[in-house]
């Protein structure tokens, strides 16, 4: 990987961590990794998630997701967060993991709606 690609990746991780802090994850920050070789998440501080940050124009989606799945520790949901130039951040995960991540939220909304 060239220096400019590493720098773009680093800038993407810093940008994503800042965006996550703006969403209320106050301790979101870049993981302590060097060349991605140790399997640590790119972004840490979001409980229960293993986040891989991909700041590229053309994402190889299933390769990126396989990396997140392979590196996630027990109890962590693997997620890939991606942004290309002039686009917003998106989160990509397996459907079963999305169901697990949103189940309590949806149940809570349903209970509130029924009480109205």
PDB file of N, CA and C in Angstrom:
ATOM      1  N   UNK A   1       0.854  -1.178   0.000  1.00  0.00           N
ATOM      2  CA  UNK A   1       0.000   0.000   0.000  1.00  0.00           C
ATOM      3  C   UNK A   1       0.898   1.239   0.000  1.00  0.00           C
ATOM      4  N   UNK A   2       0.584   2.182  -0.899  1.00  0.00           N
ATOM      5  CA  UNK A   2       1.374   3.398  -1.001  1.00  0.00           C
ATOM      6  C   UNK A   2       1.079   4.374   0.125  1.00  0.00           C
ATOM      7  N   UNK A   3       1.982   5.333   0.268  1.00  0.00           N
ATOM      8  CA  UNK A   3       1.866   6.328   1.338  1.00  0.00           C
ATOM      9  C   UNK A   3       0.581   7.145   1.203  1.00  0.00           C
ATOM     10  N   UNK A   4       0.212   7.519  -0.028  1.00  0.00           N
ATOM     11  CA  UNK A   4      -1.006   8.330  -0.186  1.00  0.00           C
ATOM     12  C   UNK A   4      -2.253   7.531   0.186  1.00  0.00           C
ATOM     13  N   UNK A   5      -2.271   6.227  -0.110  1.00  0.00           N
ATOM     14  CA  UNK A   5      -3.408   5.381   0.292  1.00  0.00           C
ATOM     15  C   UNK A   5      -3.479   5.256   1.800  1.00  0.00           C
ATOM     16  N   UNK A   6      -2.334   5.079   2.458  1.00  0.00           N
ATOM     17  CA  UNK A   6      -2.316   4.992   3.926  1.00  0.00           C
ATOM     18  C   UNK A   6      -2.804   6.288   4.537  1.00  0.00           C
ATOM     19  N   UNK A   7      -2.350   7.413   3.967  1.00  0.00           N
ATOM     20  CA  UNK A   7      -2.779   8.713   4.496  1.00  0.00           C
ATOM     21  C   UNK A   7      -4.276   8.925   4.313  1.00  0.00           C
ATOM     22  N   UNK A   8      -4.820   8.501   3.154  1.00  0.00           N
ATOM     23  CA  UNK A   8      -6.263   8.630   2.931  1.00  0.00           C
ATOM     24  C   UNK A   8      -7.016   7.755   3.920  1.00  0.00           C
ATOM     25  N   UNK A   9      -6.510   6.547   4.171  1.00  0.00           N
ATOM     26  CA  UNK A   9      -7.142   5.677   5.157  1.00  0.00           C
ATOM     27  C   UNK A   9      -7.120   6.285   6.542  1.00  0.00           C
ATOM     28  N   UNK A  10      -5.990   6.859   6.914  1.00  0.00           N
ATOM     29  CA  UNK A  10      -5.869   7.502   8.233  1.00  0.00           C
ATOM     30  C   UNK A  10      -6.841   8.678   8.338  1.00  0.00           C
ATOM     31  N   UNK A  11      -6.899   9.505   7.297  1.00  0.00           N
ATOM     32  CA  UNK A  11      -7.833  10.638   7.304  1.00  0.00           C
ATOM     33  C   UNK A  11      -9.277  10.144   7.389  1.00  0.00           C
ATOM     34  N   UNK A  12      -9.589   9.053   6.677  1.00  0.00           N
ATOM     35  CA  UNK A  12     -10.938   8.486   6.735  1.00  0.00           C
ATOM     36  C   UNK A  12     -11.287   8.019   8.134  1.00  0.00           C
ATOM     37  N   UNK A  13     -10.342   7.358   8.805  1.00  0.00           N
ATOM     38  CA  UNK A  13     -10.586   6.883  10.170  1.00  0.00           C
ATOM     39  C   UNK A  13     -10.813   8.053  11.123  1.00  0.00           C
ATOM     40  N   UNK A  14     -10.024   9.104  10.986  1.00  0.00           N
ATOM     41  CA  UNK A  14     -10.195  10.294  11.836  1.00  0.00           C
ATOM     42  C   UNK A  14     -11.559  10.928  11.575  1.00  0.00           C
ATOM     43  N   UNK A  15     -11.932  11.044  10.300  1.00  0.00           N
ATOM     44  CA  UNK A  15     -13.222  11.624   9.920  1.00  0.00           C
ATOM     45  C   UNK A  15     -14.386  10.791  10.454  1.00  0.00           C
ATOM     46  N   UNK A  16     -14.294   9.470  10.316  1.00  0.00           N
ATOM     47  CA  UNK A  16     -15.362   8.592  10.791  1.00  0.00           C
ATOM     48  C   UNK A  16     -15.479   8.653  12.313  1.00  0.00           C
ATOM     49  N   UNK A  17     -14.367   8.636  13.015  1.00  0.00           N
ATOM     50  CA  UNK A  17     -14.407   8.721  14.478  1.00  0.00           C
ATOM     51  C   UNK A  17     -15.090  10.023  14.911  1.00  0.00           C
ATOM     52  N   UNK A  18     -14.790  11.106  14.235  1.00  0.00           N
ATOM     53  CA  UNK A  18     -15.421  12.398  14.552  1.00  0.00           C
ATOM     54  C   UNK A  18     -16.929  12.334  14.291  1.00  0.00           C
ATOM     55  N   UNK A  19     -17.324  11.720  13.165  1.00  0.00           N
ATOM     56  CA  UNK A  19     -18.753  11.591  12.847  1.00  0.00           C
ATOM     57  C   UNK A  19     -19.463  10.749  13.900  1.00  0.00           C
ATOM     58  N   UNK A  20     -18.830   9.666  14.353  1.00  0.00           N
ATOM     59  CA  UNK A  20     -19.440   8.818  15.383  1.00  0.00           C
ATOM     60  C   UNK A  20     -19.542   9.553  16.712  1.00  0.00           C
ATOM     61  N   UNK A  21     -18.549  10.372  17.034  1.00  0.00           N
ATOM     62  CA  UNK A  21     -18.648  11.188  18.257  1.00  0.00           C
ATOM     63  C   UNK A  21     -19.830  12.144  18.150  1.00  0.00           C
ATOM     64  N   UNK A  22     -20.063  12.666  16.950  1.00  0.00           N
ATOM     65  CA  UNK A  22     -21.213  13.542  16.724  1.00  0.00           C
ATOM     66  C   UNK A  22     -22.546  12.824  16.889  1.00  0.00           C
ATOM     67  N   UNK A  23     -22.529  11.504  16.755  1.00  0.00           N
ATOM     68  CA  UNK A  23     -23.740  10.699  16.955  1.00  0.00           C
ATOM     69  C   UNK A  23     -23.901  10.242  18.406  1.00  0.00           C
ATOM     70  N   UNK A  24     -23.002  10.680  19.279  1.00  0.00           N
ATOM     71  CA  UNK A  24     -23.132  10.355  20.692  1.00  0.00           C
ATOM     72  C   UNK A  24     -22.164   9.315  21.211  1.00  0.00           C
ATOM     73  N   UNK A  25     -21.309   8.765  20.368  1.00  0.00           N
ATOM     74  CA  UNK A  25     -20.297   7.799  20.817  1.00  0.00           C
ATOM     75  C   UNK A  25     -19.046   8.586  21.198  1.00  0.00           C
ATOM     76  N   UNK A  26     -19.081   9.149  22.390  1.00  0.00           N
ATOM     77  CA  UNK A  26     -18.095  10.144  22.827  1.00  0.00           C
ATOM     78  C   UNK A  26     -16.662   9.644  22.822  1.00  0.00           C
ATOM     79  N   UNK A  27     -16.449   8.353  22.958  1.00  0.00           N
ATOM     80  CA  UNK A  27     -15.078   7.848  23.037  1.00  0.00           C
ATOM     81  C   UNK A  27     -14.620   7.177  21.734  1.00  0.00           C
ATOM     82  N   UNK A  28     -15.372   7.335  20.645  1.00  0.00           N
ATOM     83  CA  UNK A  28     -14.967   6.746  19.369  1.00  0.00           C
ATOM     84  C   UNK A  28     -13.651   7.376  18.919  1.00  0.00           C
ATOM     85  N   UNK A  29     -12.716   6.516  18.514  1.00  0.00           N
ATOM     86  CA  UNK A  29     -11.402   6.991  18.059  1.00  0.00           C
ATOM     87  C   UNK A  29     -10.772   5.927  17.176  1.00  0.00           C
ATOM     88  N   UNK A  30      -9.702   6.306  16.520  1.00  0.00           N
ATOM     89  CA  UNK A  30      -8.947   5.348  15.710  1.00  0.00           C
ATOM     90  C   UNK A  30      -8.385   4.270  16.610  1.00  0.00           C
ATOM     91  N   UNK A  31      -8.386   3.032  16.109  1.00  0.00           N
ATOM     92  CA  UNK A  31      -7.750   1.943  16.832  1.00  0.00           C
ATOM     93  C   UNK A  31      -6.235   2.075  16.754  1.00  0.00           C
ATOM     94  N   UNK A  32      -5.537   1.359  17.608  1.00  0.00           N
ATOM     95  CA  UNK A  32      -4.078   1.378  17.614  1.00  0.00           C
ATOM     96  C   UNK A  32      -3.585   0.274  16.700  1.00  0.00           C
ATOM     97  N   UNK A  33      -3.476   0.569  15.421  1.00  0.00           N
ATOM     98  CA  UNK A  33      -3.044  -0.462  14.492  1.00  0.00           C
ATOM     99  C   UNK A  33      -1.943   0.071  13.595  1.00  0.00           C
ATOM    100  N   UNK A  34      -1.185  -0.821  13.112  1.00  0.00           N
ATOM    101  CA  UNK A  34      -0.092  -0.494  12.212  1.00  0.00           C
ATOM    102  C   UNK A  34      -0.201  -1.429  11.024  1.00  0.00           C
ATOM    103  N   UNK A  35      -0.527  -0.891   9.863  1.00  0.00           N
ATOM    104  CA  UNK A  35      -0.689  -1.652   8.615  1.00  0.00           C
ATOM    105  C   UNK A  35      -1.844  -2.646   8.679  1.00  0.00           C
ATOM    106  N   UNK A  36      -2.710  -2.561   9.652  1.00  0.00           N
ATOM    107  CA  UNK A  36      -3.873  -3.433   9.727  1.00  0.00           C
ATOM    108  C   UNK A  36      -3.543  -4.889  10.003  1.00  0.00           C
ATOM    109  N   UNK A  37      -2.307  -5.176  10.363  1.00  0.00           N
ATOM    110  CA  UNK A  37      -1.873  -6.571  10.464  1.00  0.00           C
ATOM    111  C   UNK A  37      -2.307  -7.264  11.746  1.00  0.00           C
ATOM    112  N   UNK A  38      -2.666  -6.518  12.770  1.00  0.00           N
ATOM    113  CA  UNK A  38      -2.968  -7.156  14.053  1.00  0.00           C
ATOM    114  C   UNK A  38      -4.431  -7.498  14.249  1.00  0.00           C
ATOM    115  N   UNK A  39      -5.300  -7.151  13.316  1.00  0.00           N
ATOM    116  CA  UNK A  39      -6.705  -7.516  13.418  1.00  0.00           C
ATOM    117  C   UNK A  39      -7.535  -6.629  14.317  1.00  0.00           C
ATOM    118  N   UNK A  40      -6.957  -5.559  14.847  1.00  0.00           N
ATOM    119  CA  UNK A  40      -7.741  -4.636  15.666  1.00  0.00           C
ATOM    120  C   UNK A  40      -8.713  -3.865  14.777  1.00  0.00           C
ATOM    121  N   UNK A  41      -9.797  -3.409  15.376  1.00  0.00           N
ATOM    122  CA  UNK A  41     -10.772  -2.604  14.644  1.00  0.00           C
ATOM    123  C   UNK A  41     -10.137  -1.269  14.250  1.00  0.00           C
ATOM    124  N   UNK A  42     -10.590  -0.719  13.124  1.00  0.00           N
ATOM    125  CA  UNK A  42     -10.106   0.596  12.705  1.00  0.00           C
ATOM    126  C   UNK A  42     -10.618   1.683  13.640  1.00  0.00           C
ATOM    127  N   UNK A  43     -11.846   1.512  14.119  1.00  0.00           N
ATOM    128  CA  UNK A  43     -12.470   2.469  15.036  1.00  0.00           C
ATOM    129  C   UNK A  43     -12.881   1.718  16.287  1.00  0.00           C
ATOM    130  N   UNK A  44     -12.511   2.234  17.431  1.00  0.00           N
ATOM    131  CA  UNK A  44     -12.889   1.637  18.715  1.00  0.00           C
ATOM    132  C   UNK A  44     -13.710   2.656  19.506  1.00  0.00           C
ATOM    133  N   UNK A  45     -14.415   2.155  20.519  1.00  0.00           N
ATOM    134  CA  UNK A  45     -15.208   3.033  21.369  1.00  0.00           C
ATOM    135  C   UNK A  45     -16.700   2.974  21.084  1.00  0.00           C
ATOM    136  N   UNK A  46     -17.111   2.060  20.205  1.00  0.00           N
ATOM    137  CA  UNK A  46     -18.531   1.822  19.953  1.00  0.00           C
ATOM    138  C   UNK A  46     -18.810   0.426  20.491  1.00  0.00           C
ATOM    139  N   UNK A  47     -19.406   0.329  21.659  1.00  0.00           N
ATOM    140  CA  UNK A  47     -19.568  -0.971  22.317  1.00  0.00           C
ATOM    141  C   UNK A  47     -20.274  -2.009  21.450  1.00  0.00           C
ATOM    142  N   UNK A  48     -19.720  -3.213  21.449  1.00  0.00           N
ATOM    143  CA  UNK A  48     -20.332  -4.326  20.757  1.00  0.00           C
ATOM    144  C   UNK A  48     -20.121  -4.359  19.259  1.00  0.00           C
ATOM    145  N   UNK A  49     -19.325  -3.437  18.719  1.00  0.00           N
ATOM    146  CA  UNK A  49     -19.106  -3.370  17.278  1.00  0.00           C
ATOM    147  C   UNK A  49     -17.617  -3.498  16.955  1.00  0.00           C
ATOM    148  N   UNK A  50     -17.343  -4.235  15.904  1.00  0.00           N
ATOM    149  CA  UNK A  50     -15.998  -4.256  15.309  1.00  0.00           C
ATOM    150  C   UNK A  50     -16.124  -3.472  14.011  1.00  0.00           C
ATOM    151  N   UNK A  51     -15.546  -2.276  13.959  1.00  0.00           N
ATOM    152  CA  UNK A  51     -15.730  -1.378  12.826  1.00  0.00           C
ATOM    153  C   UNK A  51     -14.484  -1.340  11.953  1.00  0.00           C
ATOM    154  N   UNK A  52     -14.693  -1.690  10.687  1.00  0.00           N
ATOM    155  CA  UNK A  52     -13.673  -1.514   9.659  1.00  0.00           C
ATOM    156  C   UNK A  52     -14.053  -0.273   8.868  1.00  0.00           C
ATOM    157  N   UNK A  53     -13.120   0.643   8.709  1.00  0.00           N
ATOM    158  CA  UNK A  53     -13.345   1.889   7.986  1.00  0.00           C
ATOM    159  C   UNK A  53     -12.729   1.754   6.595  1.00  0.00           C
ATOM    160  N   UNK A  54     -13.513   2.023   5.575  1.00  0.00           N
ATOM    161  CA  UNK A  54     -13.039   1.954   4.194  1.00  0.00           C
ATOM    162  C   UNK A  54     -13.354   3.274   3.511  1.00  0.00           C
ATOM    163  N   UNK A  55     -12.312   4.023   3.210  1.00  0.00           N
ATOM    164  CA  UNK A  55     -12.460   5.341   2.559  1.00  0.00           C
ATOM    165  C   UNK A  55     -11.857   5.213   1.157  1.00  0.00           C
ATOM    166  N   UNK A  56     -12.604   4.515   0.277  1.00  0.00           N
ATOM    167  CA  UNK A  56     -12.128   4.228  -1.076  1.00  0.00           C
ATOM    168  C   UNK A  56     -13.250   4.508  -2.067  1.00  0.00           C
ATOM    169  N   UNK A  57     -12.879   4.696  -3.317  1.00  0.00           N
ATOM    170  CA  UNK A  57     -13.873   4.936  -4.356  1.00  0.00           C
ATOM    171  C   UNK A  57     -14.608   3.647  -4.727  1.00  0.00           C
ATOM    172  N   UNK A  58     -13.877   2.564  -4.887  1.00  0.00           N
ATOM    173  CA  UNK A  58     -14.480   1.293  -5.289  1.00  0.00           C
ATOM    174  C   UNK A  58     -14.258   0.280  -4.176  1.00  0.00           C
ATOM    175  N   UNK A  59     -15.316  -0.021  -3.451  1.00  0.00           N
ATOM    176  CA  UNK A  59     -15.222  -0.946  -2.325  1.00  0.00           C
ATOM    177  C   UNK A  59     -15.515  -2.363  -2.784  1.00  0.00           C
ATOM    178  N   UNK A  60     -14.657  -3.283  -2.427  1.00  0.00           N
ATOM    179  CA  UNK A  60     -14.924  -4.704  -2.625  1.00  0.00           C
ATOM    180  C   UNK A  60     -15.686  -5.162  -1.386  1.00  0.00           C
ATOM    181  N   UNK A  61     -17.002  -5.012  -1.448  1.00  0.00           N
ATOM    182  CA  UNK A  61     -17.888  -5.154  -0.304  1.00  0.00           C
ATOM    183  C   UNK A  61     -17.697  -6.463   0.452  1.00  0.00           C
ATOM    184  N   UNK A  62     -17.759  -7.569  -0.240  1.00  0.00           N
ATOM    185  CA  UNK A  62     -17.705  -8.849   0.455  1.00  0.00           C
ATOM    186  C   UNK A  62     -16.310  -9.125   1.016  1.00  0.00           C
ATOM    187  N   UNK A  63     -15.261  -8.622   0.372  1.00  0.00           N
ATOM    188  CA  UNK A  63     -13.920  -8.755   0.928  1.00  0.00           C
ATOM    189  C   UNK A  63     -13.798  -7.942   2.216  1.00  0.00           C
ATOM    190  N   UNK A  64     -14.330  -6.720   2.197  1.00  0.00           N
ATOM    191  CA  UNK A  64     -14.278  -5.871   3.384  1.00  0.00           C
ATOM    192  C   UNK A  64     -15.083  -6.479   4.523  1.00  0.00           C
ATOM    193  N   UNK A  65     -16.264  -7.012   4.214  1.00  0.00           N
ATOM    194  CA  UNK A  65     -17.100  -7.627   5.240  1.00  0.00           C
ATOM    195  C   UNK A  65     -16.441  -8.883   5.792  1.00  0.00           C
ATOM    196  N   UNK A  66     -15.802  -9.664   4.923  1.00  0.00           N
ATOM    197  CA  UNK A  66     -15.092 -10.861   5.383  1.00  0.00           C
ATOM    198  C   UNK A  66     -13.966 -10.483   6.334  1.00  0.00           C
ATOM    199  N   UNK A  67     -13.291  -9.375   6.080  1.00  0.00           N
ATOM    200  CA  UNK A  67     -12.241  -8.904   6.988  1.00  0.00           C
ATOM    201  C   UNK A  67     -12.833  -8.558   8.349  1.00  0.00           C
ATOM    202  N   UNK A  68     -13.945  -7.826   8.345  1.00  0.00           N
ATOM    203  CA  UNK A  68     -14.588  -7.443   9.609  1.00  0.00           C
ATOM    204  C   UNK A  68     -15.063  -8.673  10.367  1.00  0.00           C
ATOM    205  N   UNK A  69     -15.653  -9.627   9.663  1.00  0.00           N
ATOM    206  CA  UNK A  69     -16.142 -10.849  10.301  1.00  0.00           C
ATOM    207  C   UNK A  69     -14.979 -11.639  10.888  1.00  0.00           C
ATOM    208  N   UNK A  70     -13.911 -11.774  10.130  1.00  0.00           N
ATOM    209  CA  UNK A  70     -12.748 -12.532  10.589  1.00  0.00           C
ATOM    210  C   UNK A  70     -12.028 -11.908  11.762  1.00  0.00           C
ATOM    211  N   UNK A  71     -12.040 -10.576  11.833  1.00  0.00           N
ATOM    212  CA  UNK A  71     -11.313  -9.880  12.894  1.00  0.00           C
ATOM    213  C   UNK A  71     -12.154  -9.608  14.138  1.00  0.00           C
ATOM    214  N   UNK A  72     -13.488  -9.679  14.015  1.00  0.00           N
ATOM    215  CA  UNK A  72     -14.356  -9.379  15.158  1.00  0.00           C
ATOM    216  C   UNK A  72     -14.134 -10.400  16.273  1.00  0.00           C
ATOM    217  N   UNK A  73     -14.083  -9.894  17.490  1.00  0.00           N
ATOM    218  CA  UNK A  73     -13.953 -10.761  18.665  1.00  0.00           C
ATOM    219  C   UNK A  73     -15.335 -11.291  19.049  1.00  0.00           C
ATOM    220  N   UNK A  74     -15.363 -12.337  19.875  1.00  0.00           N
ATOM    221  CA  UNK A  74     -16.640 -12.880  20.350  1.00  0.00           C
ATOM    222  C   UNK A  74     -17.480 -11.764  20.970  1.00  0.00           C
ATOM    223  N   UNK A  75     -18.733 -11.713  20.598  1.00  0.00           N
ATOM    224  CA  UNK A  75     -19.641 -10.712  21.144  1.00  0.00           C
ATOM    225  C   UNK A  75     -19.645  -9.397  20.381  1.00  0.00           C
ATOM    226  N   UNK A  76     -18.788  -9.244  19.378  1.00  0.00           N
ATOM    227  CA  UNK A  76     -18.765  -8.023  18.575  1.00  0.00           C
ATOM    228  C   UNK A  76     -19.488  -8.255  17.252  1.00  0.00           C
ATOM    229  N   UNK A  77     -20.283  -7.282  16.842  1.00  0.00           N
ATOM    230  CA  UNK A  77     -20.939  -7.341  15.541  1.00  0.00           C
ATOM    231  C   UNK A  77     -20.003  -6.705  14.510  1.00  0.00           C
ATOM    232  N   UNK A  78     -19.670  -7.425  13.441  1.00  0.00           N
ATOM    233  CA  UNK A  78     -18.789  -6.862  12.420  1.00  0.00           C
ATOM    234  C   UNK A  78     -19.541  -5.887  11.521  1.00  0.00           C
ATOM    235  N   UNK A  79     -18.958  -4.723  11.315  1.00  0.00           N
ATOM    236  CA  UNK A  79     -19.569  -3.714  10.453  1.00  0.00           C
ATOM    237  C   UNK A  79     -18.473  -3.016   9.649  1.00  0.00           C
ATOM    238  N   UNK A  80     -18.790  -2.731   8.409  1.00  0.00           N
ATOM    239  CA  UNK A  80     -17.907  -1.964   7.539  1.00  0.00           C
ATOM    240  C   UNK A  80     -18.561  -0.605   7.354  1.00  0.00           C
ATOM    241  N   UNK A  81     -17.810   0.455   7.608  1.00  0.00           N
ATOM    242  CA  UNK A  81     -18.309   1.804   7.362  1.00  0.00           C
ATOM    243  C   UNK A  81     -17.512   2.360   6.196  1.00  0.00           C
ATOM    244  N   UNK A  82     -18.235   2.813   5.179  1.00  0.00           N
ATOM    245  CA  UNK A  82     -17.613   3.192   3.910  1.00  0.00           C
ATOM    246  C   UNK A  82     -18.089   4.561   3.460  1.00  0.00           C
ATOM    247  N   UNK A  83     -17.144   5.278   2.854  1.00  0.00           N
ATOM    248  CA  UNK A  83     -17.492   6.543   2.202  1.00  0.00           C
ATOM    249  C   UNK A  83     -16.565   6.736   1.023  1.00  0.00           C
ATOM    250  N   UNK A  84     -17.150   7.110  -0.085  1.00  0.00           N
ATOM    251  CA  UNK A  84     -16.322   7.523  -1.211  1.00  0.00           C
ATOM    252  C   UNK A  84     -16.459   9.027  -1.368  1.00  0.00           C
ATOM    253  N   UNK A  85     -15.675   9.617  -2.230  1.00  0.00           N
ATOM    254  CA  UNK A  85     -15.687  11.066  -2.414  1.00  0.00           C
ATOM    255  C   UNK A  85     -17.089  11.572  -2.724  1.00  0.00           C
ATOM    256  N   UNK A  86     -17.435  12.675  -2.109  1.00  0.00           N
ATOM    257  CA  UNK A  86     -18.704  13.373  -2.349  1.00  0.00           C
ATOM    258  C   UNK A  86     -19.932  12.540  -1.990  1.00  0.00           C
ATOM    259  N   UNK A  87     -19.776  11.588  -1.104  1.00  0.00           N
ATOM    260  CA  UNK A  87     -20.900  10.765  -0.646  1.00  0.00           C
ATOM    261  C   UNK A  87     -20.905  10.724   0.877  1.00  0.00           C
ATOM    262  N   UNK A  88     -22.016  10.275   1.435  1.00  0.00           N
ATOM    263  CA  UNK A  88     -22.124  10.164   2.884  1.00  0.00           C
ATOM    264  C   UNK A  88     -21.606   8.803   3.348  1.00  0.00           C
ATOM    265  N   UNK A  89     -21.349   8.688   4.645  1.00  0.00           N
ATOM    266  CA  UNK A  89     -20.931   7.416   5.235  1.00  0.00           C
ATOM    267  C   UNK A  89     -22.097   6.441   5.216  1.00  0.00           C
ATOM    268  N   UNK A  90     -21.799   5.182   4.944  1.00  0.00           N
ATOM    269  CA  UNK A  90     -22.792   4.117   5.044  1.00  0.00           C
ATOM    270  C   UNK A  90     -22.220   3.006   5.911  1.00  0.00           C
ATOM    271  N   UNK A  91     -23.106   2.262   6.549  1.00  0.00           N
ATOM    272  CA  UNK A  91     -22.715   1.117   7.380  1.00  0.00           C
ATOM    273  C   UNK A  91     -23.215  -0.146   6.698  1.00  0.00           C
ATOM    274  N   UNK A  92     -22.342  -1.135   6.598  1.00  0.00           N
ATOM    275  CA  UNK A  92     -22.654  -2.378   5.915  1.00  0.00           C
ATOM    276  C   UNK A  92     -22.439  -3.531   6.881  1.00  0.00           C
ATOM    277  N   UNK A  93     -23.459  -4.375   7.017  1.00  0.00           N
ATOM    278  CA  UNK A  93     -23.335  -5.540   7.899  1.00  0.00           C
ATOM    279  C   UNK A  93     -24.238  -6.656   7.395  1.00  0.00           C
ATOM    280  N   UNK A  94     -24.009  -7.864   7.920  1.00  0.00           N
ATOM    281  CA  UNK A  94     -24.884  -8.981   7.566  1.00  0.00           C
ATOM    282  C   UNK A  94     -26.286  -8.705   8.106  1.00  0.00           C
ATOM    283  N   UNK A  95     -27.283  -9.211   7.416  1.00  0.00           N
ATOM    284  CA  UNK A  95     -28.674  -9.000   7.821  1.00  0.00           C
ATOM    285  C   UNK A  95     -28.920  -9.512   9.235  1.00  0.00           C
ATOM    286  N   UNK A  96     -28.406 -10.686   9.575  1.00  0.00           N
ATOM    287  CA  UNK A  96     -28.618 -11.233  10.925  1.00  0.00           C
ATOM    288  C   UNK A  96     -28.008 -10.318  11.985  1.00  0.00           C
ATOM    289  N   UNK A  97     -26.872  -9.706  11.698  1.00  0.00           N
ATOM    290  CA  UNK A  97     -26.252  -8.789  12.651  1.00  0.00           C
ATOM    291  C   UNK A  97     -27.052  -7.495  12.763  1.00  0.00           C
ATOM    292  N   UNK A  98     -27.599  -7.028  11.642  1.00  0.00           N
ATOM    293  CA  UNK A  98     -28.444  -5.846  11.665  1.00  0.00           C
ATOM    294  C   UNK A  98     -29.670  -6.106  12.542  1.00  0.00           C
ATOM    295  N   UNK A  99     -30.247  -7.297  12.414  1.00  0.00           N
ATOM    296  CA  UNK A  99     -31.393  -7.664  13.242  1.00  0.00           C
ATOM    297  C   UNK A  99     -31.058  -7.641  14.714  1.00  0.00           C
ATOM    298  N   UNK A 100     -29.891  -8.175  15.051  1.00  0.00           N
ATOM    299  CA  UNK A 100     -29.467  -8.175  16.450  1.00  0.00           C
ATOM    300  C   UNK A 100     -29.243  -6.750  16.948  1.00  0.00           C
ATOM    301  N   UNK A 101     -28.620  -5.917  16.124  1.00  0.00           N
ATOM    302  CA  UNK A 101     -28.302  -4.548  16.531  1.00  0.00           C
ATOM    303  C   UNK A 101     -29.540  -3.682  16.702  1.00  0.00           C
ATOM    304  N   UNK A 102     -30.608  -3.963  15.951  1.00  0.00           N
ATOM    305  CA  UNK A 102     -31.792  -3.100  15.976  1.00  0.00           C
ATOM    306  C   UNK A 102     -32.968  -3.662  16.757  1.00  0.00           C
ATOM    307  N   UNK A 103     -32.893  -4.916  17.165  1.00  0.00           N
ATOM    308  CA  UNK A 103     -34.030  -5.584  17.818  1.00  0.00           C
ATOM    309  C   UNK A 103     -34.546  -4.793  19.027  1.00  0.00           C
ATOM    310  N   UNK A 104     -33.672  -4.424  19.937  1.00  0.00           N
ATOM    311  CA  UNK A 104     -34.109  -3.704  21.139  1.00  0.00           C
ATOM    312  C   UNK A 104     -34.666  -2.333  20.795  1.00  0.00           C
ATOM    313  N   UNK A 105     -34.056  -1.665  19.822  1.00  0.00           N
ATOM    314  CA  UNK A 105     -34.536  -0.353  19.414  1.00  0.00           C
ATOM    315  C   UNK A 105     -35.958  -0.440  18.867  1.00  0.00           C
ATOM    316  N   UNK A 106     -36.170  -1.398  17.975  1.00  0.00           N
ATOM    317  CA  UNK A 106     -37.494  -1.560  17.370  1.00  0.00           C
ATOM    318  C   UNK A 106     -38.526  -1.960  18.418  1.00  0.00           C
ATOM    319  N   UNK A 107     -38.167  -2.860  19.317  1.00  0.00           N
ATOM    320  CA  UNK A 107     -39.093  -3.275  20.381  1.00  0.00           C
ATOM    321  C   UNK A 107     -39.447  -2.087  21.269  1.00  0.00           C
ATOM    322  N   UNK A 108     -38.489  -1.252  21.578  1.00  0.00           N
ATOM    323  CA  UNK A 108     -38.735  -0.066  22.403  1.00  0.00           C
ATOM    324  C   UNK A 108     -39.676   0.912  21.719  1.00  0.00           C
ATOM    325  N   UNK A 109     -39.496   1.133  20.424  1.00  0.00           N
ATOM    326  CA  UNK A 109     -40.392   2.029  19.674  1.00  0.00           C
ATOM    327  C   UNK A 109     -41.803   1.478  19.643  1.00  0.00           C
ATOM    328  N   UNK A 110     -41.926   0.164  19.448  1.00  0.00           N
ATOM    329  CA  UNK A 110     -43.246  -0.479  19.371  1.00  0.00           C
ATOM    330  C   UNK A 110     -43.968  -0.296  20.719  1.00  0.00           C
ATOM    331  N   UNK A 111     -43.242  -0.481  21.809  1.00  0.00           N
ATOM    332  CA  UNK A 111     -43.856  -0.338  23.135  1.00  0.00           C
ATOM    333  C   UNK A 111     -44.308   1.099  23.352  1.00  0.00           C
ATOM    334  N   UNK A 112     -43.513   2.078  22.929  1.00  0.00           N
ATOM    335  CA  UNK A 112     -43.903   3.495  23.075  1.00  0.00           C
ATOM    336  C   UNK A 112     -45.141   3.793  22.246  1.00  0.00           C
ATOM    337  N   UNK A 113     -45.164   3.308  20.997  1.00  0.00           N
ATOM    338  CA  UNK A 113     -46.297   3.579  20.092  1.00  0.00           C
ATOM    339  C   UNK A 113     -47.598   2.968  20.647  1.00  0.00           C
ATOM    340  N   UNK A 114     -47.524   1.787  21.219  1.00  0.00           N
ATOM    341  CA  UNK A 114     -48.700   1.107  21.743  1.00  0.00           C
ATOM    342  C   UNK A 114     -49.241   1.798  22.984  1.00  0.00           C
ATOM    343  N   UNK A 115     -48.386   2.531  23.691  1.00  0.00           N
ATOM    344  CA  UNK A 115     -48.837   3.185  24.918  1.00  0.00           C
ATOM    345  C   UNK A 115     -49.501   4.529  24.628  1.00  0.00           C
ATOM    346  N   UNK A 116     -49.455   4.989  23.381  1.00  0.00           N
ATOM    347  CA  UNK A 116     -50.054   6.297  23.050  1.00  0.00           C
ATOM    348  C   UNK A 116     -51.535   6.222  22.900  1.00  0.00           C
TER     349      UNK A 116
END
